[in-house]
PDB file of N, CA and C in Angstrom:
ATOM      1  N   UNK A   1       0.841  -1.163   0.000  1.00  0.00           N
ATOM      2  CA  UNK A   1       0.000   0.000   0.000  1.00  0.00           C
ATOM      3  C   UNK A   1       0.890   1.231   0.000  1.00  0.00           C
ATOM      4  N   UNK A   2       0.470   2.225  -0.774  1.00  0.00           N
ATOM      5  CA  UNK A   2       1.167   3.505  -0.825  1.00  0.00           C
ATOM      6  C   UNK A   2       0.210   4.602  -0.406  1.00  0.00           C
ATOM      7  N   UNK A   3       0.753   5.723   0.025  1.00  0.00           N
ATOM      8  CA  UNK A   3      -0.064   6.869   0.402  1.00  0.00           C
ATOM      9  C   UNK A   3      -0.018   7.913  -0.692  1.00  0.00           C
ATOM     10  N   UNK A   4      -1.096   8.680  -0.800  1.00  0.00           N
ATOM     11  CA  UNK A   4      -1.155   9.749  -1.780  1.00  0.00           C
ATOM     12  C   UNK A   4      -2.206  10.766  -1.404  1.00  0.00           C
ATOM     13  N   UNK A   5      -2.134  11.917  -2.061  1.00  0.00           N
ATOM     14  CA  UNK A   5      -3.087  12.998  -1.825  1.00  0.00           C
ATOM     15  C   UNK A   5      -4.010  13.104  -3.027  1.00  0.00           C
ATOM     16  N   UNK A   6      -5.311  13.188  -2.767  1.00  0.00           N
ATOM     17  CA  UNK A   6      -6.290  13.336  -3.837  1.00  0.00           C
ATOM     18  C   UNK A   6      -6.226  14.774  -4.336  1.00  0.00           C
ATOM     19  N   UNK A   7      -5.923  14.934  -5.636  1.00  0.00           N
ATOM     20  CA  UNK A   7      -5.796  16.272  -6.202  1.00  0.00           C
ATOM     21  C   UNK A   7      -6.906  16.591  -7.207  1.00  0.00           C
ATOM     22  N   UNK A   8      -7.796  15.638  -7.451  1.00  0.00           N
ATOM     23  CA  UNK A   8      -8.896  15.887  -8.379  1.00  0.00           C
ATOM     24  C   UNK A   8      -9.763  14.666  -8.575  1.00  0.00           C
ATOM     25  N   UNK A   9     -10.806  14.849  -9.373  1.00  0.00           N
ATOM     26  CA  UNK A   9     -11.712  13.753  -9.709  1.00  0.00           C
ATOM     27  C   UNK A   9     -11.759  13.592 -11.211  1.00  0.00           C
ATOM     28  N   UNK A  10     -12.051  12.394 -11.653  1.00  0.00           N
ATOM     29  CA  UNK A  10     -12.148  12.092 -13.073  1.00  0.00           C
ATOM     30  C   UNK A  10     -13.611  11.793 -13.382  1.00  0.00           C
ATOM     31  N   UNK A  11     -14.124  12.420 -14.433  1.00  0.00           N
ATOM     32  CA  UNK A  11     -15.499  12.185 -14.860  1.00  0.00           C
ATOM     33  C   UNK A  11     -15.472  11.380 -16.149  1.00  0.00           C
ATOM     34  N   UNK A  12     -16.215  10.283 -16.175  1.00  0.00           N
ATOM     35  CA  UNK A  12     -16.255   9.407 -17.338  1.00  0.00           C
ATOM     36  C   UNK A  12     -17.589   9.541 -18.048  1.00  0.00           C
ATOM     37  N   UNK A  13     -17.566   9.414 -19.362  1.00  0.00           N
ATOM     38  CA  UNK A  13     -18.822   9.413 -20.108  1.00  0.00           C
ATOM     39  C   UNK A  13     -19.411   8.007 -20.166  1.00  0.00           C
ATOM     40  N   UNK A  14     -18.566   7.006 -20.032  1.00  0.00           N
ATOM     41  CA  UNK A  14     -19.014   5.611 -20.000  1.00  0.00           C
ATOM     42  C   UNK A  14     -18.078   4.846 -19.066  1.00  0.00           C
ATOM     43  N   UNK A  15     -18.621   3.865 -18.376  1.00  0.00           N
ATOM     44  CA  UNK A  15     -17.814   3.092 -17.430  1.00  0.00           C
ATOM     45  C   UNK A  15     -18.135   1.608 -17.553  1.00  0.00           C
ATOM     46  N   UNK A  16     -17.231   0.792 -17.082  1.00  0.00           N
ATOM     47  CA  UNK A  16     -17.440  -0.650 -17.051  1.00  0.00           C
ATOM     48  C   UNK A  16     -18.539  -0.935 -16.012  1.00  0.00           C
ATOM     49  N   UNK A  17     -19.568  -1.713 -16.364  1.00  0.00           N
ATOM     50  CA  UNK A  17     -20.664  -1.976 -15.424  1.00  0.00           C
ATOM     51  C   UNK A  17     -20.196  -2.552 -14.082  1.00  0.00           C
ATOM     52  N   UNK A  18     -19.126  -3.334 -14.067  1.00  0.00           N
ATOM     53  CA  UNK A  18     -18.640  -3.922 -12.813  1.00  0.00           C
ATOM     54  C   UNK A  18     -18.099  -2.859 -11.857  1.00  0.00           C
ATOM     55  N   UNK A  19     -17.721  -1.690 -12.375  1.00  0.00           N
ATOM     56  CA  UNK A  19     -17.174  -0.626 -11.533  1.00  0.00           C
ATOM     57  C   UNK A  19     -18.227   0.409 -11.151  1.00  0.00           C
ATOM     58  N   UNK A  20     -19.487   0.125 -11.431  1.00  0.00           N
ATOM     59  CA  UNK A  20     -20.559   1.056 -11.085  1.00  0.00           C
ATOM     60  C   UNK A  20     -20.643   1.227  -9.572  1.00  0.00           C
ATOM     61  N   UNK A  21     -20.992   2.413  -9.143  1.00  0.00           N
ATOM     62  CA  UNK A  21     -21.131   2.682  -7.712  1.00  0.00           C
ATOM     63  C   UNK A  21     -19.913   3.334  -7.103  1.00  0.00           C
ATOM     64  N   UNK A  22     -18.816   3.378  -7.813  1.00  0.00           N
ATOM     65  CA  UNK A  22     -17.612   4.025  -7.314  1.00  0.00           C
ATOM     66  C   UNK A  22     -17.303   5.253  -8.140  1.00  0.00           C
ATOM     67  N   UNK A  23     -16.252   5.943  -7.771  1.00  0.00           N
ATOM     68  CA  UNK A  23     -15.813   7.082  -8.559  1.00  0.00           C
ATOM     69  C   UNK A  23     -14.316   6.993  -8.767  1.00  0.00           C
ATOM     70  N   UNK A  24     -13.795   7.879  -9.565  1.00  0.00           N
ATOM     71  CA  UNK A  24     -12.388   7.846  -9.941  1.00  0.00           C
ATOM     72  C   UNK A  24     -11.707   9.100  -9.422  1.00  0.00           C
ATOM     73  N   UNK A  25     -10.594   8.920  -8.724  1.00  0.00           N
ATOM     74  CA  UNK A  25      -9.859  10.034  -8.141  1.00  0.00           C
ATOM     75  C   UNK A  25      -8.502  10.178  -8.808  1.00  0.00           C
ATOM     76  N   UNK A  26      -8.058  11.408  -8.959  1.00  0.00           N
ATOM     77  CA  UNK A  26      -6.712  11.692  -9.449  1.00  0.00           C
ATOM     78  C   UNK A  26      -5.835  11.864  -8.214  1.00  0.00           C
ATOM     79  N   UNK A  27      -4.794  11.029  -8.092  1.00  0.00           N
ATOM     80  CA  UNK A  27      -3.992  10.967  -6.869  1.00  0.00           C
ATOM     81  C   UNK A  27      -2.526  11.268  -7.168  1.00  0.00           C
ATOM     82  N   UNK A  28      -1.934  12.094  -6.310  1.00  0.00           N
ATOM     83  CA  UNK A  28      -0.501  12.375  -6.370  1.00  0.00           C
ATOM     84  C   UNK A  28       0.173  11.540  -5.285  1.00  0.00           C
ATOM     85  N   UNK A  29       0.947  10.507  -5.655  1.00  0.00           N
ATOM     86  CA  UNK A  29       1.564   9.628  -4.655  1.00  0.00           C
ATOM     87  C   UNK A  29       2.620  10.375  -3.832  1.00  0.00           C
ATOM     88  N   UNK A  30       2.677  10.061  -2.555  1.00  0.00           N
ATOM     89  CA  UNK A  30       3.719  10.638  -1.698  1.00  0.00           C
ATOM     90  C   UNK A  30       5.052   9.982  -2.041  1.00  0.00           C
ATOM     91  N   UNK A  31       6.099  10.758  -1.946  1.00  0.00           N
ATOM     92  CA  UNK A  31       7.444  10.215  -2.076  1.00  0.00           C
ATOM     93  C   UNK A  31       8.245  10.618  -0.840  1.00  0.00           C
ATOM     94  N   UNK A  32       9.456  10.191  -0.754  1.00  0.00           N
ATOM     95  CA  UNK A  32      10.278  10.421   0.434  1.00  0.00           C
ATOM     96  C   UNK A  32      10.462  11.907   0.735  1.00  0.00           C
ATOM     97  N   UNK A  33      10.607  12.728  -0.296  1.00  0.00           N
ATOM     98  CA  UNK A  33      10.839  14.162  -0.102  1.00  0.00           C
ATOM     99  C   UNK A  33       9.670  14.837   0.621  1.00  0.00           C
ATOM    100  N   UNK A  34       8.443  14.342   0.418  1.00  0.00           N
ATOM    101  CA  UNK A  34       7.284  14.958   1.065  1.00  0.00           C
ATOM    102  C   UNK A  34       7.218  14.681   2.562  1.00  0.00           C
ATOM    103  N   UNK A  35       7.928  13.674   3.039  1.00  0.00           N
ATOM    104  CA  UNK A  35       7.884  13.330   4.453  1.00  0.00           C
ATOM    105  C   UNK A  35       9.028  13.936   5.256  1.00  0.00           C
ATOM    106  N   UNK A  36       9.861  14.750   4.672  1.00  0.00           N
ATOM    107  CA  UNK A  36      11.023  15.281   5.373  1.00  0.00           C
ATOM    108  C   UNK A  36      10.693  16.425   6.326  1.00  0.00           C
ATOM    109  N   UNK A  37       9.421  16.832   6.409  1.00  0.00           N
ATOM    110  CA  UNK A  37       9.029  17.902   7.321  1.00  0.00           C
ATOM    111  C   UNK A  37       8.649  17.388   8.702  1.00  0.00           C
ATOM    112  N   UNK A  38       8.819  16.130   8.971  1.00  0.00           N
ATOM    113  CA  UNK A  38       8.495  15.580  10.286  1.00  0.00           C
ATOM    114  C   UNK A  38       7.007  15.484  10.495  1.00  0.00           C
ATOM    115  N   UNK A  39       6.487  16.138  11.540  1.00  0.00           N
ATOM    116  CA  UNK A  39       5.076  16.039  11.887  1.00  0.00           C
ATOM    117  C   UNK A  39       4.186  16.952  11.052  1.00  0.00           C
ATOM    118  N   UNK A  40       4.774  17.812  10.240  1.00  0.00           N
ATOM    119  CA  UNK A  40       3.974  18.669   9.367  1.00  0.00           C
ATOM    120  C   UNK A  40       3.330  17.816   8.283  1.00  0.00           C
ATOM    121  N   UNK A  41       2.114  18.153   7.869  1.00  0.00           N
ATOM    122  CA  UNK A  41       1.511  17.367   6.784  1.00  0.00           C
ATOM    123  C   UNK A  41       2.284  17.580   5.486  1.00  0.00           C
ATOM    124  N   UNK A  42       2.377  16.568   4.662  1.00  0.00           N
ATOM    125  CA  UNK A  42       3.103  16.721   3.400  1.00  0.00           C
ATOM    126  C   UNK A  42       2.492  17.825   2.548  1.00  0.00           C
ATOM    127  N   UNK A  43       3.274  18.824   2.168  1.00  0.00           N
ATOM    128  CA  UNK A  43       2.726  19.939   1.382  1.00  0.00           C
ATOM    129  C   UNK A  43       2.727  19.636  -0.114  1.00  0.00           C
ATOM    130  N   UNK A  44       1.787  20.224  -0.828  1.00  0.00           N
ATOM    131  CA  UNK A  44       1.819  20.212  -2.288  1.00  0.00           C
ATOM    132  C   UNK A  44       1.679  18.860  -2.950  1.00  0.00           C
ATOM    133  N   UNK A  45       2.173  18.834  -4.164  1.00  0.00           N
ATOM    134  CA  UNK A  45       2.067  17.667  -5.024  1.00  0.00           C
ATOM    135  C   UNK A  45       3.461  17.107  -5.241  1.00  0.00           C
ATOM    136  N   UNK A  46       3.582  15.782  -5.285  1.00  0.00           N
ATOM    137  CA  UNK A  46       4.887  15.153  -5.471  1.00  0.00           C
ATOM    138  C   UNK A  46       5.349  15.277  -6.915  1.00  0.00           C
ATOM    139  N   UNK A  47       6.598  14.943  -7.116  1.00  0.00           N
ATOM    140  CA  UNK A  47       7.165  14.977  -8.462  1.00  0.00           C
ATOM    141  C   UNK A  47       6.888  13.674  -9.223  1.00  0.00           C
ATOM    142  N   UNK A  48       6.325  12.689  -8.549  1.00  0.00           N
ATOM    143  CA  UNK A  48       5.973  11.426  -9.211  1.00  0.00           C
ATOM    144  C   UNK A  48       4.731  11.620 -10.078  1.00  0.00           C
ATOM    145  N   UNK A  49       4.582  10.823 -11.123  1.00  0.00           N
ATOM    146  CA  UNK A  49       3.387  10.943 -11.975  1.00  0.00           C
ATOM    147  C   UNK A  49       2.118  10.641 -11.184  1.00  0.00           C
ATOM    148  N   UNK A  50       1.076  11.404 -11.450  1.00  0.00           N
ATOM    149  CA  UNK A  50      -0.220  11.169 -10.808  1.00  0.00           C
ATOM    150  C   UNK A  50      -0.863   9.939 -11.424  1.00  0.00           C
ATOM    151  N   UNK A  51      -1.824   9.348 -10.706  1.00  0.00           N
ATOM    152  CA  UNK A  51      -2.520   8.191 -11.231  1.00  0.00           C
ATOM    153  C   UNK A  51      -3.990   8.256 -10.902  1.00  0.00           C
ATOM    154  N   UNK A  52      -4.783   7.497 -11.629  1.00  0.00           N
ATOM    155  CA  UNK A  52      -6.219   7.439 -11.418  1.00  0.00           C
ATOM    156  C   UNK A  52      -6.517   6.229 -10.548  1.00  0.00           C
ATOM    157  N   UNK A  53      -7.276   6.452  -9.475  1.00  0.00           N
ATOM    158  CA  UNK A  53      -7.567   5.416  -8.482  1.00  0.00           C
ATOM    159  C   UNK A  53      -9.087   5.244  -8.362  1.00  0.00           C
ATOM    160  N   UNK A  54      -9.557   4.000  -8.404  1.00  0.00           N
ATOM    161  CA  UNK A  54     -10.972   3.703  -8.189  1.00  0.00           C
ATOM    162  C   UNK A  54     -11.270   3.854  -6.705  1.00  0.00           C
ATOM    163  N   UNK A  55     -12.390   4.511  -6.389  1.00  0.00           N
ATOM    164  CA  UNK A  55     -12.724   4.784  -4.991  1.00  0.00           C
ATOM    165  C   UNK A  55     -14.184   4.459  -4.723  1.00  0.00           C
ATOM    166  N   UNK A  56     -14.430   3.629  -3.733  1.00  0.00           N
ATOM    167  CA  UNK A  56     -15.791   3.388  -3.272  1.00  0.00           C
ATOM    168  C   UNK A  56     -15.905   3.644  -1.767  1.00  0.00           C
ATOM    169  N   UNK A  57     -14.900   4.341  -1.201  1.00  0.00           N
ATOM    170  CA  UNK A  57     -14.902   4.667   0.223  1.00  0.00           C
ATOM    171  C   UNK A  57     -15.322   6.105   0.501  1.00  0.00           C
ATOM    172  N   UNK A  58     -15.328   6.956  -0.510  1.00  0.00           N
ATOM    173  CA  UNK A  58     -15.760   8.340  -0.318  1.00  0.00           C
ATOM    174  C   UNK A  58     -14.640   9.343  -0.144  1.00  0.00           C
ATOM    175  N   UNK A  59     -13.489   9.079  -0.709  1.00  0.00           N
ATOM    176  CA  UNK A  59     -12.390  10.032  -0.641  1.00  0.00           C
ATOM    177  C   UNK A  59     -12.693  11.275  -1.464  1.00  0.00           C
ATOM    178  N   UNK A  60     -12.197  12.416  -0.998  1.00  0.00           N
ATOM    179  CA  UNK A  60     -12.436  13.666  -1.706  1.00  0.00           C
ATOM    180  C   UNK A  60     -11.150  14.432  -1.932  1.00  0.00           C
ATOM    181  N   UNK A  61     -11.243  15.509  -2.678  1.00  0.00           N
ATOM    182  CA  UNK A  61     -10.080  16.330  -2.992  1.00  0.00           C
ATOM    183  C   UNK A  61      -9.465  16.860  -1.689  1.00  0.00           C
ATOM    184  N   UNK A  62      -8.155  16.710  -1.566  1.00  0.00           N
ATOM    185  CA  UNK A  62      -7.435  17.143  -0.378  1.00  0.00           C
ATOM    186  C   UNK A  62      -7.209  16.044   0.650  1.00  0.00           C
ATOM    187  N   UNK A  63      -7.910  14.915   0.514  1.00  0.00           N
ATOM    188  CA  UNK A  63      -7.761  13.803   1.455  1.00  0.00           C
ATOM    189  C   UNK A  63      -6.477  13.024   1.189  1.00  0.00           C
ATOM    190  N   UNK A  64      -5.958  12.421   2.245  1.00  0.00           N
ATOM    191  CA  UNK A  64      -4.851  11.480   2.116  1.00  0.00           C
ATOM    192  C   UNK A  64      -5.457  10.080   2.099  1.00  0.00           C
ATOM    193  N   UNK A  65      -5.066   9.280   1.118  1.00  0.00           N
ATOM    194  CA  UNK A  65      -5.605   7.931   1.008  1.00  0.00           C
ATOM    195  C   UNK A  65      -4.469   6.913   0.930  1.00  0.00           C
ATOM    196  N   UNK A  66      -4.798   5.669   1.258  1.00  0.00           N
ATOM    197  CA  UNK A  66      -3.895   4.551   1.050  1.00  0.00           C
ATOM    198  C   UNK A  66      -4.423   3.763  -0.132  1.00  0.00           C
ATOM    199  N   UNK A  67      -3.614   3.597  -1.159  1.00  0.00           N
ATOM    200  CA  UNK A  67      -4.097   2.904  -2.344  1.00  0.00           C
ATOM    201  C   UNK A  67      -3.212   1.709  -2.661  1.00  0.00           C
ATOM    202  N   UNK A  68      -3.833   0.729  -3.319  1.00  0.00           N
ATOM    203  CA  UNK A  68      -3.161  -0.509  -3.711  1.00  0.00           C
ATOM    204  C   UNK A  68      -3.126  -0.544  -5.228  1.00  0.00           C
ATOM    205  N   UNK A  69      -1.988  -0.951  -5.776  1.00  0.00           N
ATOM    206  CA  UNK A  69      -1.827  -1.022  -7.221  1.00  0.00           C
ATOM    207  C   UNK A  69      -1.629  -2.474  -7.664  1.00  0.00           C
ATOM    208  N   UNK A  70      -1.789  -2.690  -8.950  1.00  0.00           N
ATOM    209  CA  UNK A  70      -1.495  -3.991  -9.522  1.00  0.00           C
ATOM    210  C   UNK A  70      -2.664  -4.956  -9.456  1.00  0.00           C
ATOM    211  N   UNK A  71      -2.331  -6.227  -9.514  1.00  0.00           N
ATOM    212  CA  UNK A  71      -3.345  -7.279  -9.560  1.00  0.00           C
ATOM    213  C   UNK A  71      -4.279  -7.252  -8.347  1.00  0.00           C
ATOM    214  N   UNK A  72      -3.740  -6.896  -7.196  1.00  0.00           N
ATOM    215  CA  UNK A  72      -4.547  -6.875  -5.969  1.00  0.00           C
ATOM    216  C   UNK A  72      -5.670  -5.855  -6.037  1.00  0.00           C
ATOM    217  N   UNK A  73      -5.536  -4.818  -6.858  1.00  0.00           N
ATOM    218  CA  UNK A  73      -6.563  -3.783  -6.968  1.00  0.00           C
ATOM    219  C   UNK A  73      -7.867  -4.338  -7.533  1.00  0.00           C
ATOM    220  N   UNK A  74      -7.804  -5.373  -8.338  1.00  0.00           N
ATOM    221  CA  UNK A  74      -9.011  -5.956  -8.943  1.00  0.00           C
ATOM    222  C   UNK A  74      -9.631  -7.056  -8.090  1.00  0.00           C
ATOM    223  N   UNK A  75      -9.002  -7.448  -7.004  1.00  0.00           N
ATOM    224  CA  UNK A  75      -9.481  -8.562  -6.183  1.00  0.00           C
ATOM    225  C   UNK A  75     -10.879  -8.356  -5.580  1.00  0.00           C
ATOM    226  N   UNK A  76     -11.292  -7.142  -5.185  1.00  0.00           N
ATOM    227  CA  UNK A  76     -12.624  -7.004  -4.585  1.00  0.00           C
ATOM    228  C   UNK A  76     -13.792  -7.239  -5.542  1.00  0.00           C
ATOM    229  N   UNK A  77     -13.534  -7.343  -6.830  1.00  0.00           N
ATOM    230  CA  UNK A  77     -14.595  -7.489  -7.817  1.00  0.00           C
ATOM    231  C   UNK A  77     -14.802  -8.953  -8.186  1.00  0.00           C
ATOM    232  N   UNK A  78     -16.044  -9.278  -8.583  1.00  0.00           N
ATOM    233  CA  UNK A  78     -16.379 -10.658  -8.923  1.00  0.00           C
ATOM    234  C   UNK A  78     -15.699 -11.129 -10.201  1.00  0.00           C
ATOM    235  N   UNK A  79     -15.722 -10.306 -11.221  1.00  0.00           N
ATOM    236  CA  UNK A  79     -15.141 -10.692 -12.505  1.00  0.00           C
ATOM    237  C   UNK A  79     -13.939  -9.831 -12.835  1.00  0.00           C
ATOM    238  N   UNK A  80     -13.365 -10.060 -13.985  1.00  0.00           N
ATOM    239  CA  UNK A  80     -12.217  -9.243 -14.395  1.00  0.00           C
ATOM    240  C   UNK A  80     -12.653  -7.814 -14.699  1.00  0.00           C
ATOM    241  N   UNK A  81     -11.934  -6.851 -14.142  1.00  0.00           N
ATOM    242  CA  UNK A  81     -12.194  -5.432 -14.383  1.00  0.00           C
ATOM    243  C   UNK A  81     -10.879  -4.729 -14.718  1.00  0.00           C
ATOM    244  N   UNK A  82     -10.944  -3.701 -15.541  1.00  0.00           N
ATOM    245  CA  UNK A  82      -9.720  -2.990 -15.925  1.00  0.00           C
ATOM    246  C   UNK A  82      -9.331  -1.919 -14.911  1.00  0.00           C
ATOM    247  N   UNK A  83      -8.935  -2.347 -13.712  1.00  0.00           N
ATOM    248  CA  UNK A  83      -8.562  -1.420 -12.641  1.00  0.00           C
ATOM    249  C   UNK A  83      -7.120  -1.684 -12.238  1.00  0.00           C
ATOM    250  N   UNK A  84      -6.317  -0.621 -12.202  1.00  0.00           N
ATOM    251  CA  UNK A  84      -4.908  -0.741 -11.823  1.00  0.00           C
ATOM    252  C   UNK A  84      -4.630  -0.269 -10.407  1.00  0.00           C
ATOM    253  N   UNK A  85      -5.526   0.546  -9.826  1.00  0.00           N
ATOM    254  CA  UNK A  85      -5.316   1.059  -8.466  1.00  0.00           C
ATOM    255  C   UNK A  85      -6.670   1.264  -7.804  1.00  0.00           C
ATOM    256  N   UNK A  86      -6.734   0.935  -6.508  1.00  0.00           N
ATOM    257  CA  UNK A  86      -7.978   1.073  -5.761  1.00  0.00           C
ATOM    258  C   UNK A  86      -7.684   1.696  -4.404  1.00  0.00           C
ATOM    259  N   UNK A  87      -8.610   2.538  -3.942  1.00  0.00           N
ATOM    260  CA  UNK A  87      -8.491   3.166  -2.637  1.00  0.00           C
ATOM    261  C   UNK A  87      -8.805   2.126  -1.566  1.00  0.00           C
ATOM    262  N   UNK A  88      -7.842   1.884  -0.672  1.00  0.00           N
ATOM    263  CA  UNK A  88      -8.029   0.882   0.372  1.00  0.00           C
ATOM    264  C   UNK A  88      -8.230   1.497   1.749  1.00  0.00           C
ATOM    265  N   UNK A  89      -7.895   2.793   1.917  1.00  0.00           N
ATOM    266  CA  UNK A  89      -7.995   3.414   3.239  1.00  0.00           C
ATOM    267  C   UNK A  89      -8.078   4.921   3.127  1.00  0.00           C
ATOM    268  N   UNK A  90      -8.891   5.520   3.987  1.00  0.00           N
ATOM    269  CA  UNK A  90      -8.907   6.963   4.163  1.00  0.00           C
ATOM    270  C   UNK A  90      -8.033   7.259   5.381  1.00  0.00           C
ATOM    271  N   UNK A  91      -6.977   8.011   5.192  1.00  0.00           N
ATOM    272  CA  UNK A  91      -5.984   8.240   6.241  1.00  0.00           C
ATOM    273  C   UNK A  91      -6.312   9.528   6.994  1.00  0.00           C
ATOM    274  N   UNK A  92      -6.466   9.431   8.317  1.00  0.00           N
ATOM    275  CA  UNK A  92      -6.771  10.613   9.128  1.00  0.00           C
ATOM    276  C   UNK A  92      -5.509  11.405   9.452  1.00  0.00           C
ATOM    277  N   UNK A  93      -4.472  10.731   9.902  1.00  0.00           N
ATOM    278  CA  UNK A  93      -3.221  11.393  10.286  1.00  0.00           C
ATOM    279  C   UNK A  93      -2.037  10.564   9.829  1.00  0.00           C
ATOM    280  N   UNK A  94      -0.950  11.261   9.517  1.00  0.00           N
ATOM    281  CA  UNK A  94       0.317  10.610   9.211  1.00  0.00           C
ATOM    282  C   UNK A  94       1.325  11.140  10.220  1.00  0.00           C
ATOM    283  N   UNK A  95       1.774  10.274  11.110  1.00  0.00           N
ATOM    284  CA  UNK A  95       2.759  10.673  12.120  1.00  0.00           C
ATOM    285  C   UNK A  95       4.094  10.078  11.742  1.00  0.00           C
ATOM    286  N   UNK A  96       4.993  10.930  11.350  1.00  0.00           N
ATOM    287  CA  UNK A  96       6.301  10.475  10.893  1.00  0.00           C
ATOM    288  C   UNK A  96       7.355  11.466  11.342  1.00  0.00           C
ATOM    289  N   UNK A  97       8.409  10.973  11.954  1.00  0.00           N
ATOM    290  CA  UNK A  97       9.513  11.816  12.325  1.00  0.00           C
ATOM    291  C   UNK A  97      10.762  11.268  11.675  1.00  0.00           C
ATOM    292  N   UNK A  98      11.364  12.056  10.760  1.00  0.00           N
ATOM    293  CA  UNK A  98      12.555  11.552  10.086  1.00  0.00           C
ATOM    294  C   UNK A  98      13.722  11.414  11.037  1.00  0.00           C
ATOM    295  N   UNK A  99      14.544  10.415  10.800  1.00  0.00           N
ATOM    296  CA  UNK A  99      15.747  10.205  11.598  1.00  0.00           C
ATOM    297  C   UNK A  99      16.825  11.136  11.038  1.00  0.00           C
ATOM    298  N   UNK A 100      17.404  11.905  11.924  1.00  0.00           N
ATOM    299  CA  UNK A 100      18.421  12.880  11.484  1.00  0.00           C
ATOM    300  C   UNK A 100      19.790  12.311  11.576  1.00  0.00           C
TER     301      UNK A 100
END
């Protein structure tokens, strides 16, 4: 699982019926540089490429989420679905203190 910040939503004109009921979020994954502020929340957007994440938990813009990528992202569905990343957790706080 990786952490990321929701920076937008994706609107589709057509969707796979198996993915109905969820929405699509544009997520900026956290990288090591974003955690160097210690207890401060990670600011801004990372330099890593953003990705689209399927969400059925209710994540919104500005939220920190835990997402899973790869084959495991499609596991919650009954049949094969074209999903590469899924929201697995809504993160309330990130407590991290870098070792100096």
